[in-house]
């Protein structure tokens, strides 16, 4: 029964990390909280070391927005409004769950 549970956990974690831009978002946020434009610019400037999809692909704002919403719904990214206004100033950060998943992945890769 324990072995079956570990496979189910692995399947869940794999689904959580699916998506072309998930790993680059997590990689940048693993270095600290970021505002939306900071995150966008850093991912666009990042190379393959951040897990960016191969080929001539550019991260579009709508794609980043959808990725962040998905990661927030999955409990991996927190969204905090730090200043009200139009538009509001929002900061994104990793949750403790995301940090655990990243650490597990790093350990498995060693």
PDB file of N, CA and C in Angstrom:
ATOM      1  N   UNK A   1       0.828  -1.200   0.000  1.00  0.00           N
ATOM      2  CA  UNK A   1       0.000   0.000   0.000  1.00  0.00           C
ATOM      3  C   UNK A   1       0.864   1.252   0.000  1.00  0.00           C
ATOM      4  N   UNK A   2       1.948   1.248   0.762  1.00  0.00           N
ATOM      5  CA  UNK A   2       2.835   2.399   0.826  1.00  0.00           C
ATOM      6  C   UNK A   2       3.449   2.712  -0.520  1.00  0.00           C
ATOM      7  N   UNK A   3       3.827   1.667  -1.286  1.00  0.00           N
ATOM      8  CA  UNK A   3       4.421   1.871  -2.602  1.00  0.00           C
ATOM      9  C   UNK A   3       3.419   2.523  -3.552  1.00  0.00           C
ATOM     10  N   UNK A   4       2.172   2.086  -3.487  1.00  0.00           N
ATOM     11  CA  UNK A   4       1.132   2.665  -4.329  1.00  0.00           C
ATOM     12  C   UNK A   4       0.944   4.143  -3.991  1.00  0.00           C
ATOM     13  N   UNK A   5       0.987   4.469  -2.717  1.00  0.00           N
ATOM     14  CA  UNK A   5       0.834   5.862  -2.290  1.00  0.00           C
ATOM     15  C   UNK A   5       1.978   6.719  -2.809  1.00  0.00           C
ATOM     16  N   UNK A   6       3.201   6.183  -2.787  1.00  0.00           N
ATOM     17  CA  UNK A   6       4.338   6.967  -3.264  1.00  0.00           C
ATOM     18  C   UNK A   6       4.221   7.230  -4.761  1.00  0.00           C
ATOM     19  N   UNK A   7       3.691   6.265  -5.527  1.00  0.00           N
ATOM     20  CA  UNK A   7       3.486   6.499  -6.966  1.00  0.00           C
ATOM     21  C   UNK A   7       2.393   7.533  -7.198  1.00  0.00           C
ATOM     22  N   UNK A   8       1.361   7.487  -6.377  1.00  0.00           N
ATOM     23  CA  UNK A   8       0.295   8.486  -6.494  1.00  0.00           C
ATOM     24  C   UNK A   8       0.840   9.875  -6.174  1.00  0.00           C
ATOM     25  N   UNK A   9       1.678   9.976  -5.154  1.00  0.00           N
ATOM     26  CA  UNK A   9       2.295  11.258  -4.800  1.00  0.00           C
ATOM     27  C   UNK A   9       3.160  11.773  -5.948  1.00  0.00           C
ATOM     28  N   UNK A  10       3.941  10.871  -6.554  1.00  0.00           N
ATOM     29  CA  UNK A  10       4.784  11.258  -7.679  1.00  0.00           C
ATOM     30  C   UNK A  10       3.937  11.755  -8.847  1.00  0.00           C
ATOM     31  N   UNK A  11       2.855  11.052  -9.140  1.00  0.00           N
ATOM     32  CA  UNK A  11       1.961  11.460 -10.232  1.00  0.00           C
ATOM     33  C   UNK A  11       1.354  12.834  -9.958  1.00  0.00           C
ATOM     34  N   UNK A  12       0.966  13.068  -8.726  1.00  0.00           N
ATOM     35  CA  UNK A  12       0.388  14.373  -8.357  1.00  0.00           C
ATOM     36  C   UNK A  12       1.421  15.474  -8.520  1.00  0.00           C
ATOM     37  N   UNK A  13       2.622  15.247  -8.038  1.00  0.00           N
ATOM     38  CA  UNK A  13       3.686  16.261  -8.146  1.00  0.00           C
ATOM     39  C   UNK A  13       4.064  16.511  -9.605  1.00  0.00           C
ATOM     40  N   UNK A  14       4.057  15.476 -10.410  1.00  0.00           N
ATOM     41  CA  UNK A  14       4.376  15.639 -11.824  1.00  0.00           C
ATOM     42  C   UNK A  14       3.315  16.498 -12.506  1.00  0.00           C
ATOM     43  N   UNK A  15       2.055  16.251 -12.224  1.00  0.00           N
ATOM     44  CA  UNK A  15       0.978  17.061 -12.807  1.00  0.00           C
ATOM     45  C   UNK A  15       1.069  18.510 -12.335  1.00  0.00           C
ATOM     46  N   UNK A  16       1.441  18.712 -11.078  1.00  0.00           N
ATOM     47  CA  UNK A  16       1.561  20.061 -10.530  1.00  0.00           C
ATOM     48  C   UNK A  16       2.611  20.857 -11.292  1.00  0.00           C
ATOM     49  N   UNK A  17       3.674  20.187 -11.721  1.00  0.00           N
ATOM     50  CA  UNK A  17       4.784  20.874 -12.383  1.00  0.00           C
ATOM     51  C   UNK A  17       4.652  20.905 -13.907  1.00  0.00           C
ATOM     52  N   UNK A  18       3.528  20.439 -14.439  1.00  0.00           N
ATOM     53  CA  UNK A  18       3.388  20.413 -15.890  1.00  0.00           C
ATOM     54  C   UNK A  18       3.110  21.811 -16.432  1.00  0.00           C
ATOM     55  N   UNK A  19       3.558  22.046 -17.639  1.00  0.00           N
ATOM     56  CA  UNK A  19       3.386  23.338 -18.293  1.00  0.00           C
ATOM     57  C   UNK A  19       4.735  23.891 -18.713  1.00  0.00           C
ATOM     58  N   UNK A  20       4.804  24.444 -19.908  1.00  0.00           N
ATOM     59  CA  UNK A  20       6.081  24.918 -20.458  1.00  0.00           C
ATOM     60  C   UNK A  20       6.783  25.945 -19.586  1.00  0.00           C
ATOM     61  N   UNK A  21       6.040  26.835 -18.964  1.00  0.00           N
ATOM     62  CA  UNK A  21       6.657  27.958 -18.257  1.00  0.00           C
ATOM     63  C   UNK A  21       6.648  27.795 -16.746  1.00  0.00           C
ATOM     64  N   UNK A  22       6.187  26.664 -16.233  1.00  0.00           N
ATOM     65  CA  UNK A  22       6.122  26.445 -14.784  1.00  0.00           C
ATOM     66  C   UNK A  22       7.517  26.442 -14.160  1.00  0.00           C
ATOM     67  N   UNK A  23       8.426  25.662 -14.727  1.00  0.00           N
ATOM     68  CA  UNK A  23       9.766  25.559 -14.138  1.00  0.00           C
ATOM     69  C   UNK A  23      10.501  26.896 -14.176  1.00  0.00           C
ATOM     70  N   UNK A  24      10.487  27.634 -15.299  1.00  0.00           N
ATOM     71  CA  UNK A  24      11.149  28.944 -15.269  1.00  0.00           C
ATOM     72  C   UNK A  24      10.553  29.897 -14.227  1.00  0.00           C
ATOM     73  N   UNK A  25       9.245  29.890 -14.054  1.00  0.00           N
ATOM     74  CA  UNK A  25       8.616  30.749 -13.038  1.00  0.00           C
ATOM     75  C   UNK A  25       9.094  30.343 -11.652  1.00  0.00           C
ATOM     76  N   UNK A  26       9.078  29.053 -11.364  1.00  0.00           N
ATOM     77  CA  UNK A  26       9.525  28.582 -10.052  1.00  0.00           C
ATOM     78  C   UNK A  26      11.007  28.869  -9.840  1.00  0.00           C
ATOM     79  N   UNK A  27      11.808  28.725 -10.907  1.00  0.00           N
ATOM     80  CA  UNK A  27      13.245  28.971 -10.788  1.00  0.00           C
ATOM     81  C   UNK A  27      13.528  30.417 -10.418  1.00  0.00           C
ATOM     82  N   UNK A  28      12.861  31.352 -11.072  1.00  0.00           N
ATOM     83  CA  UNK A  28      13.080  32.773 -10.765  1.00  0.00           C
ATOM     84  C   UNK A  28      12.558  33.102  -9.369  1.00  0.00           C
ATOM     85  N   UNK A  29      11.382  32.596  -9.030  1.00  0.00           N
ATOM     86  CA  UNK A  29      10.821  32.890  -7.706  1.00  0.00           C
ATOM     87  C   UNK A  29      11.605  32.210  -6.582  1.00  0.00           C
ATOM     88  N   UNK A  30      12.360  31.167  -6.902  1.00  0.00           N
ATOM     89  CA  UNK A  30      13.163  30.514  -5.863  1.00  0.00           C
ATOM     90  C   UNK A  30      14.280  31.434  -5.374  1.00  0.00           C
ATOM     91  N   UNK A  31      14.546  32.484  -6.128  1.00  0.00           N
ATOM     92  CA  UNK A  31      15.580  33.459  -5.743  1.00  0.00           C
ATOM     93  C   UNK A  31      14.978  34.642  -4.981  1.00  0.00           C
ATOM     94  N   UNK A  32      13.654  34.609  -4.759  1.00  0.00           N
ATOM     95  CA  UNK A  32      13.005  35.657  -3.978  1.00  0.00           C
ATOM     96  C   UNK A  32      11.727  36.156  -4.637  1.00  0.00           C
ATOM     97  N   UNK A  33      10.950  36.893  -3.880  1.00  0.00           N
ATOM     98  CA  UNK A  33       9.687  37.447  -4.360  1.00  0.00           C
ATOM     99  C   UNK A  33       9.935  38.411  -5.515  1.00  0.00           C
ATOM    100  N   UNK A  34       8.970  38.487  -6.421  1.00  0.00           N
ATOM    101  CA  UNK A  34       9.095  39.371  -7.581  1.00  0.00           C
ATOM    102  C   UNK A  34       7.749  40.008  -7.908  1.00  0.00           C
ATOM    103  N   UNK A  35       7.842  41.244  -8.385  1.00  0.00           N
ATOM    104  CA  UNK A  35       6.669  41.870  -8.973  1.00  0.00           C
ATOM    105  C   UNK A  35       6.488  41.286 -10.364  1.00  0.00           C
ATOM    106  N   UNK A  36       5.300  41.459 -10.919  1.00  0.00           N
ATOM    107  CA  UNK A  36       4.951  40.840 -12.194  1.00  0.00           C
ATOM    108  C   UNK A  36       5.950  41.174 -13.301  1.00  0.00           C
ATOM    109  N   UNK A  37       6.240  42.448 -13.514  1.00  0.00           N
ATOM    110  CA  UNK A  37       7.146  42.851 -14.608  1.00  0.00           C
ATOM    111  C   UNK A  37       8.566  42.351 -14.373  1.00  0.00           C
ATOM    112  N   UNK A  38       9.008  42.346 -13.115  1.00  0.00           N
ATOM    113  CA  UNK A  38      10.340  41.803 -12.799  1.00  0.00           C
ATOM    114  C   UNK A  38      10.408  40.329 -13.190  1.00  0.00           C
ATOM    115  N   UNK A  39       9.369  39.610 -12.820  1.00  0.00           N
ATOM    116  CA  UNK A  39       9.305  38.188 -13.122  1.00  0.00           C
ATOM    117  C   UNK A  39       9.308  37.964 -14.636  1.00  0.00           C
ATOM    118  N   UNK A  40       8.491  38.706 -15.338  1.00  0.00           N
ATOM    119  CA  UNK A  40       8.406  38.592 -16.792  1.00  0.00           C
ATOM    120  C   UNK A  40       9.764  38.866 -17.445  1.00  0.00           C
ATOM    121  N   UNK A  41      10.391  39.955 -17.066  1.00  0.00           N
ATOM    122  CA  UNK A  41      11.676  40.331 -17.676  1.00  0.00           C
ATOM    123  C   UNK A  41      12.783  39.338 -17.345  1.00  0.00           C
ATOM    124  N   UNK A  42      12.809  38.838 -16.122  1.00  0.00           N
ATOM    125  CA  UNK A  42      13.856  37.890 -15.742  1.00  0.00           C
ATOM    126  C   UNK A  42      13.687  36.550 -16.442  1.00  0.00           C
ATOM    127  N   UNK A  43      12.455  36.114 -16.626  1.00  0.00           N
ATOM    128  CA  UNK A  43      12.234  34.861 -17.342  1.00  0.00           C
ATOM    129  C   UNK A  43      12.593  35.038 -18.813  1.00  0.00           C
ATOM    130  N   UNK A  44      12.208  36.165 -19.390  1.00  0.00           N
ATOM    131  CA  UNK A  44      12.545  36.413 -20.797  1.00  0.00           C
ATOM    132  C   UNK A  44      14.053  36.452 -21.017  1.00  0.00           C
ATOM    133  N   UNK A  45      14.791  36.945 -20.037  1.00  0.00           N
ATOM    134  CA  UNK A  45      16.250  37.060 -20.161  1.00  0.00           C
ATOM    135  C   UNK A  45      16.968  35.754 -19.805  1.00  0.00           C
ATOM    136  N   UNK A  46      16.262  34.850 -19.157  1.00  0.00           N
ATOM    137  CA  UNK A  46      16.890  33.608 -18.684  1.00  0.00           C
ATOM    138  C   UNK A  46      17.170  32.666 -19.840  1.00  0.00           C
ATOM    139  N   UNK A  47      18.147  31.848 -19.634  1.00  0.00           N
ATOM    140  CA  UNK A  47      18.503  30.830 -20.612  1.00  0.00           C
ATOM    141  C   UNK A  47      18.029  29.469 -20.177  1.00  0.00           C
ATOM    142  N   UNK A  48      18.586  28.447 -20.820  1.00  0.00           N
ATOM    143  CA  UNK A  48      18.179  27.074 -20.519  1.00  0.00           C
ATOM    144  C   UNK A  48      18.449  26.649 -19.074  1.00  0.00           C
ATOM    145  N   UNK A  49      19.354  27.348 -18.382  1.00  0.00           N
ATOM    146  CA  UNK A  49      19.630  26.992 -16.982  1.00  0.00           C
ATOM    147  C   UNK A  49      18.408  27.184 -16.091  1.00  0.00           C
ATOM    148  N   UNK A  50      17.440  27.954 -16.562  1.00  0.00           N
ATOM    149  CA  UNK A  50      16.190  28.151 -15.811  1.00  0.00           C
ATOM    150  C   UNK A  50      15.071  27.263 -16.330  1.00  0.00           C
ATOM    151  N   UNK A  51      15.394  26.383 -17.260  1.00  0.00           N
ATOM    152  CA  UNK A  51      14.378  25.469 -17.775  1.00  0.00           C
ATOM    153  C   UNK A  51      13.443  26.089 -18.786  1.00  0.00           C
ATOM    154  N   UNK A  52      13.880  27.162 -19.449  1.00  0.00           N
ATOM    155  CA  UNK A  52      13.015  27.780 -20.459  1.00  0.00           C
ATOM    156  C   UNK A  52      12.803  26.814 -21.611  1.00  0.00           C
ATOM    157  N   UNK A  53      11.621  26.822 -22.202  1.00  0.00           N
ATOM    158  CA  UNK A  53      11.358  25.919 -23.321  1.00  0.00           C
ATOM    159  C   UNK A  53      12.337  26.153 -24.464  1.00  0.00           C
ATOM    160  N   UNK A  54      12.698  25.093 -25.142  1.00  0.00           N
ATOM    161  CA  UNK A  54      13.672  25.201 -26.224  1.00  0.00           C
ATOM    162  C   UNK A  54      13.045  25.854 -27.455  1.00  0.00           C
ATOM    163  N   UNK A  55      13.907  26.362 -28.299  1.00  0.00           N
ATOM    164  CA  UNK A  55      13.449  26.995 -29.526  1.00  0.00           C
ATOM    165  C   UNK A  55      13.315  28.493 -29.354  1.00  0.00           C
ATOM    166  N   UNK A  56      12.857  29.117 -30.371  1.00  0.00           N
ATOM    167  CA  UNK A  56      12.685  30.577 -30.387  1.00  0.00           C
ATOM    168  C   UNK A  56      11.332  30.934 -29.793  1.00  0.00           C
ATOM    169  N   UNK A  57      11.195  30.790 -28.482  1.00  0.00           N
ATOM    170  CA  UNK A  57       9.908  31.071 -27.850  1.00  0.00           C
ATOM    171  C   UNK A  57      10.036  32.241 -26.906  1.00  0.00           C
ATOM    172  N   UNK A  58       9.035  33.084 -26.916  1.00  0.00           N
ATOM    173  CA  UNK A  58       8.995  34.237 -26.035  1.00  0.00           C
ATOM    174  C   UNK A  58       7.836  34.062 -25.062  1.00  0.00           C
ATOM    175  N   UNK A  59       8.067  34.397 -23.820  1.00  0.00           N
ATOM    176  CA  UNK A  59       7.000  34.364 -22.826  1.00  0.00           C
ATOM    177  C   UNK A  59       6.147  35.616 -22.996  1.00  0.00           C
ATOM    178  N   UNK A  60       4.875  35.415 -23.316  1.00  0.00           N
ATOM    179  CA  UNK A  60       3.942  36.530 -23.476  1.00  0.00           C
ATOM    180  C   UNK A  60       3.263  36.816 -22.137  1.00  0.00           C
ATOM    181  N   UNK A  61       2.821  38.052 -21.960  1.00  0.00           N
ATOM    182  CA  UNK A  61       2.213  38.458 -20.695  1.00  0.00           C
ATOM    183  C   UNK A  61       1.009  37.601 -20.338  1.00  0.00           C
ATOM    184  N   UNK A  62       0.180  37.309 -21.308  1.00  0.00           N
ATOM    185  CA  UNK A  62      -1.011  36.495 -21.022  1.00  0.00           C
ATOM    186  C   UNK A  62      -0.609  35.086 -20.559  1.00  0.00           C
ATOM    187  N   UNK A  63       0.430  34.537 -21.167  1.00  0.00           N
ATOM    188  CA  UNK A  63       0.904  33.212 -20.783  1.00  0.00           C
ATOM    189  C   UNK A  63       1.430  33.225 -19.354  1.00  0.00           C
ATOM    190  N   UNK A  64       2.204  34.251 -19.005  1.00  0.00           N
ATOM    191  CA  UNK A  64       2.698  34.360 -17.630  1.00  0.00           C
ATOM    192  C   UNK A  64       1.538  34.515 -16.659  1.00  0.00           C
ATOM    193  N   UNK A  65       0.588  35.346 -17.003  1.00  0.00           N
ATOM    194  CA  UNK A  65      -0.575  35.558 -16.139  1.00  0.00           C
ATOM    195  C   UNK A  65      -1.328  34.245 -15.903  1.00  0.00           C
ATOM    196  N   UNK A  66      -1.558  33.489 -16.963  1.00  0.00           N
ATOM    197  CA  UNK A  66      -2.255  32.202 -16.826  1.00  0.00           C
ATOM    198  C   UNK A  66      -1.429  31.209 -16.017  1.00  0.00           C
ATOM    199  N   UNK A  67      -0.121  31.196 -16.229  1.00  0.00           N
ATOM    200  CA  UNK A  67       0.760  30.290 -15.478  1.00  0.00           C
ATOM    201  C   UNK A  67       0.734  30.633 -13.994  1.00  0.00           C
ATOM    202  N   UNK A  68       0.804  31.920 -13.677  1.00  0.00           N
ATOM    203  CA  UNK A  68       0.769  32.342 -12.267  1.00  0.00           C
ATOM    204  C   UNK A  68      -0.570  31.975 -11.618  1.00  0.00           C
ATOM    205  N   UNK A  69      -1.672  32.162 -12.345  1.00  0.00           N
ATOM    206  CA  UNK A  69      -2.992  31.802 -11.803  1.00  0.00           C
ATOM    207  C   UNK A  69      -3.069  30.302 -11.545  1.00  0.00           C
ATOM    208  N   UNK A  70      -2.535  29.516 -12.465  1.00  0.00           N
ATOM    209  CA  UNK A  70      -2.529  28.060 -12.298  1.00  0.00           C
ATOM    210  C   UNK A  70      -1.685  27.656 -11.094  1.00  0.00           C
ATOM    211  N   UNK A  71      -0.493  28.236 -10.981  1.00  0.00           N
ATOM    212  CA  UNK A  71       0.385  27.904  -9.858  1.00  0.00           C
ATOM    213  C   UNK A  71      -0.220  28.354  -8.527  1.00  0.00           C
ATOM    214  N   UNK A  72      -0.919  29.468  -8.543  1.00  0.00           N
ATOM    215  CA  UNK A  72      -1.592  29.921  -7.327  1.00  0.00           C
ATOM    216  C   UNK A  72      -2.708  28.940  -6.944  1.00  0.00           C
ATOM    217  N   UNK A  73      -3.474  28.498  -7.937  1.00  0.00           N
ATOM    218  CA  UNK A  73      -4.550  27.533  -7.677  1.00  0.00           C
ATOM    219  C   UNK A  73      -4.002  26.196  -7.178  1.00  0.00           C
ATOM    220  N   UNK A  74      -2.805  25.835  -7.623  1.00  0.00           N
ATOM    221  CA  UNK A  74      -2.170  24.582  -7.201  1.00  0.00           C
ATOM    222  C   UNK A  74      -1.460  24.726  -5.857  1.00  0.00           C
ATOM    223  N   UNK A  75      -1.438  25.931  -5.315  1.00  0.00           N
ATOM    224  CA  UNK A  75      -0.830  26.154  -4.003  1.00  0.00           C
ATOM    225  C   UNK A  75       0.675  26.295  -4.023  1.00  0.00           C
ATOM    226  N   UNK A  76       1.247  26.627  -5.190  1.00  0.00           N
ATOM    227  CA  UNK A  76       2.698  26.746  -5.302  1.00  0.00           C
ATOM    228  C   UNK A  76       3.200  28.175  -5.286  1.00  0.00           C
ATOM    229  N   UNK A  77       2.340  29.113  -5.627  1.00  0.00           N
ATOM    230  CA  UNK A  77       2.711  30.529  -5.680  1.00  0.00           C
ATOM    231  C   UNK A  77       1.686  31.328  -4.904  1.00  0.00           C
ATOM    232  N   UNK A  78       2.178  32.284  -4.118  1.00  0.00           N
ATOM    233  CA  UNK A  78       1.265  33.191  -3.421  1.00  0.00           C
ATOM    234  C   UNK A  78       1.282  34.540  -4.128  1.00  0.00           C
ATOM    235  N   UNK A  79       0.151  35.188  -4.124  1.00  0.00           N
ATOM    236  CA  UNK A  79      -0.014  36.511  -4.735  1.00  0.00           C
ATOM    237  C   UNK A  79      -0.426  37.458  -3.626  1.00  0.00           C
ATOM    238  N   UNK A  80       0.375  38.496  -3.421  1.00  0.00           N
ATOM    239  CA  UNK A  80       0.092  39.427  -2.331  1.00  0.00           C
ATOM    240  C   UNK A  80       0.053  40.845  -2.888  1.00  0.00           C
ATOM    241  N   UNK A  81      -1.038  41.519  -2.621  1.00  0.00           N
ATOM    242  CA  UNK A  81      -1.181  42.909  -3.036  1.00  0.00           C
ATOM    243  C   UNK A  81      -0.483  43.771  -1.986  1.00  0.00           C
ATOM    244  N   UNK A  82       0.563  44.495  -2.402  1.00  0.00           N
ATOM    245  CA  UNK A  82       1.326  45.292  -1.452  1.00  0.00           C
ATOM    246  C   UNK A  82       0.945  46.771  -1.495  1.00  0.00           C
ATOM    247  N   UNK A  83       0.246  47.151  -2.553  1.00  0.00           N
ATOM    248  CA  UNK A  83      -0.168  48.541  -2.679  1.00  0.00           C
ATOM    249  C   UNK A  83      -1.423  48.602  -3.534  1.00  0.00           C
ATOM    250  N   UNK A  84      -2.446  49.212  -2.970  1.00  0.00           N
ATOM    251  CA  UNK A  84      -3.692  49.346  -3.731  1.00  0.00           C
ATOM    252  C   UNK A  84      -3.543  50.472  -4.737  1.00  0.00           C
ATOM    253  N   UNK A  85      -4.204  50.315  -5.820  1.00  0.00           N
ATOM    254  CA  UNK A  85      -4.151  51.324  -6.862  1.00  0.00           C
ATOM    255  C   UNK A  85      -4.611  50.725  -8.166  1.00  0.00           C
ATOM    256  N   UNK A  86      -4.486  51.486  -9.214  1.00  0.00           N
ATOM    257  CA  UNK A  86      -4.847  50.997 -10.531  1.00  0.00           C
ATOM    258  C   UNK A  86      -3.650  51.174 -11.431  1.00  0.00           C
ATOM    259  N   UNK A  87      -2.979  50.141 -11.808  1.00  0.00           N
ATOM    260  CA  UNK A  87      -3.162  48.761 -11.337  1.00  0.00           C
ATOM    261  C   UNK A  87      -2.554  48.574  -9.959  1.00  0.00           C
ATOM    262  N   UNK A  88      -3.009  47.558  -9.232  1.00  0.00           N
ATOM    263  CA  UNK A  88      -2.444  47.311  -7.909  1.00  0.00           C
ATOM    264  C   UNK A  88      -1.011  46.804  -8.031  1.00  0.00           C
ATOM    265  N   UNK A  89      -0.207  47.042  -7.014  1.00  0.00           N
ATOM    266  CA  UNK A  89       1.158  46.511  -6.969  1.00  0.00           C
ATOM    267  C   UNK A  89       1.078  45.145  -6.295  1.00  0.00           C
ATOM    268  N   UNK A  90       1.476  44.114  -7.040  1.00  0.00           N
ATOM    269  CA  UNK A  90       1.350  42.734  -6.584  1.00  0.00           C
ATOM    270  C   UNK A  90       2.727  42.084  -6.573  1.00  0.00           C
ATOM    271  N   UNK A  91       2.966  41.281  -5.551  1.00  0.00           N
ATOM    272  CA  UNK A  91       4.226  40.536  -5.428  1.00  0.00           C
ATOM    273  C   UNK A  91       3.891  39.049  -5.414  1.00  0.00           C
ATOM    274  N   UNK A  92       4.675  38.291  -6.167  1.00  0.00           N
ATOM    275  CA  UNK A  92       4.519  36.835  -6.224  1.00  0.00           C
ATOM    276  C   UNK A  92       5.675  36.186  -5.493  1.00  0.00           C
ATOM    277  N   UNK A  93       5.377  35.076  -4.808  1.00  0.00           N
ATOM    278  CA  UNK A  93       6.404  34.357  -4.053  1.00  0.00           C
ATOM    279  C   UNK A  93       6.062  32.871  -4.039  1.00  0.00           C
ATOM    280  N   UNK A  94       7.071  32.055  -3.773  1.00  0.00           N
ATOM    281  CA  UNK A  94       6.838  30.621  -3.628  1.00  0.00           C
ATOM    282  C   UNK A  94       6.183  30.342  -2.283  1.00  0.00           C
ATOM    283  N   UNK A  95       5.358  29.328  -2.257  1.00  0.00           N
ATOM    284  CA  UNK A  95       4.794  28.853  -0.992  1.00  0.00           C
ATOM    285  C   UNK A  95       5.735  27.805  -0.401  1.00  0.00           C
ATOM    286  N   UNK A  96       5.464  27.420   0.832  1.00  0.00           N
ATOM    287  CA  UNK A  96       6.264  26.372   1.473  1.00  0.00           C
ATOM    288  C   UNK A  96       6.164  25.055   0.695  1.00  0.00           C
ATOM    289  N   UNK A  97       4.980  24.773   0.155  1.00  0.00           N
ATOM    290  CA  UNK A  97       4.797  23.548  -0.634  1.00  0.00           C
ATOM    291  C   UNK A  97       5.700  23.556  -1.862  1.00  0.00           C
ATOM    292  N   UNK A  98       5.794  24.688  -2.543  1.00  0.00           N
ATOM    293  CA  UNK A  98       6.669  24.793  -3.717  1.00  0.00           C
ATOM    294  C   UNK A  98       8.120  24.581  -3.313  1.00  0.00           C
ATOM    295  N   UNK A  99       8.518  25.155  -2.202  1.00  0.00           N
ATOM    296  CA  UNK A  99       9.903  24.973  -1.732  1.00  0.00           C
ATOM    297  C   UNK A  99      10.197  23.502  -1.433  1.00  0.00           C
ATOM    298  N   UNK A 100       9.226  22.791  -0.852  1.00  0.00           N
ATOM    299  CA  UNK A 100       9.405  21.359  -0.568  1.00  0.00           C
ATOM    300  C   UNK A 100       9.564  20.569  -1.874  1.00  0.00           C
ATOM    301  N   UNK A 101       8.735  20.886  -2.855  1.00  0.00           N
ATOM    302  CA  UNK A 101       8.802  20.181  -4.142  1.00  0.00           C
ATOM    303  C   UNK A 101      10.135  20.450  -4.829  1.00  0.00           C
ATOM    304  N   UNK A 102      10.582  21.700  -4.803  1.00  0.00           N
ATOM    305  CA  UNK A 102      11.865  22.040  -5.418  1.00  0.00           C
ATOM    306  C   UNK A 102      13.006  21.307  -4.720  1.00  0.00           C
ATOM    307  N   UNK A 103      12.985  21.269  -3.410  1.00  0.00           N
ATOM    308  CA  UNK A 103      14.039  20.572  -2.654  1.00  0.00           C
ATOM    309  C   UNK A 103      14.023  19.085  -2.948  1.00  0.00           C
ATOM    310  N   UNK A 104      12.836  18.499  -3.048  1.00  0.00           N
ATOM    311  CA  UNK A 104      12.724  17.067  -3.383  1.00  0.00           C
ATOM    312  C   UNK A 104      13.289  16.806  -4.774  1.00  0.00           C
ATOM    313  N   UNK A 105      12.959  17.673  -5.728  1.00  0.00           N
ATOM    314  CA  UNK A 105      13.460  17.513  -7.096  1.00  0.00           C
ATOM    315  C   UNK A 105      14.978  17.654  -7.143  1.00  0.00           C
ATOM    316  N   UNK A 106      15.496  18.600  -6.407  1.00  0.00           N
ATOM    317  CA  UNK A 106      16.961  18.799  -6.368  1.00  0.00           C
ATOM    318  C   UNK A 106      17.641  17.570  -5.757  1.00  0.00           C
ATOM    319  N   UNK A 107      17.074  17.046  -4.695  1.00  0.00           N
ATOM    320  CA  UNK A 107      17.643  15.856  -4.043  1.00  0.00           C
ATOM    321  C   UNK A 107      17.620  14.657  -4.973  1.00  0.00           C
ATOM    322  N   UNK A 108      16.528  14.498  -5.708  1.00  0.00           N
ATOM    323  CA  UNK A 108      16.410  13.365  -6.631  1.00  0.00           C
ATOM    324  C   UNK A 108      17.400  13.487  -7.789  1.00  0.00           C
ATOM    325  N   UNK A 109      17.740  14.703  -8.148  1.00  0.00           N
ATOM    326  CA  UNK A 109      18.652  14.926  -9.251  1.00  0.00           C
ATOM    327  C   UNK A 109      20.122  14.731  -8.913  1.00  0.00           C
ATOM    328  N   UNK A 110      20.408  14.574  -7.662  1.00  0.00           N
ATOM    329  CA  UNK A 110      21.817  14.409  -7.229  1.00  0.00           C
ATOM    330  C   UNK A 110      22.282  12.989  -7.325  1.00  0.00           C
TER     331      UNK A 110
END
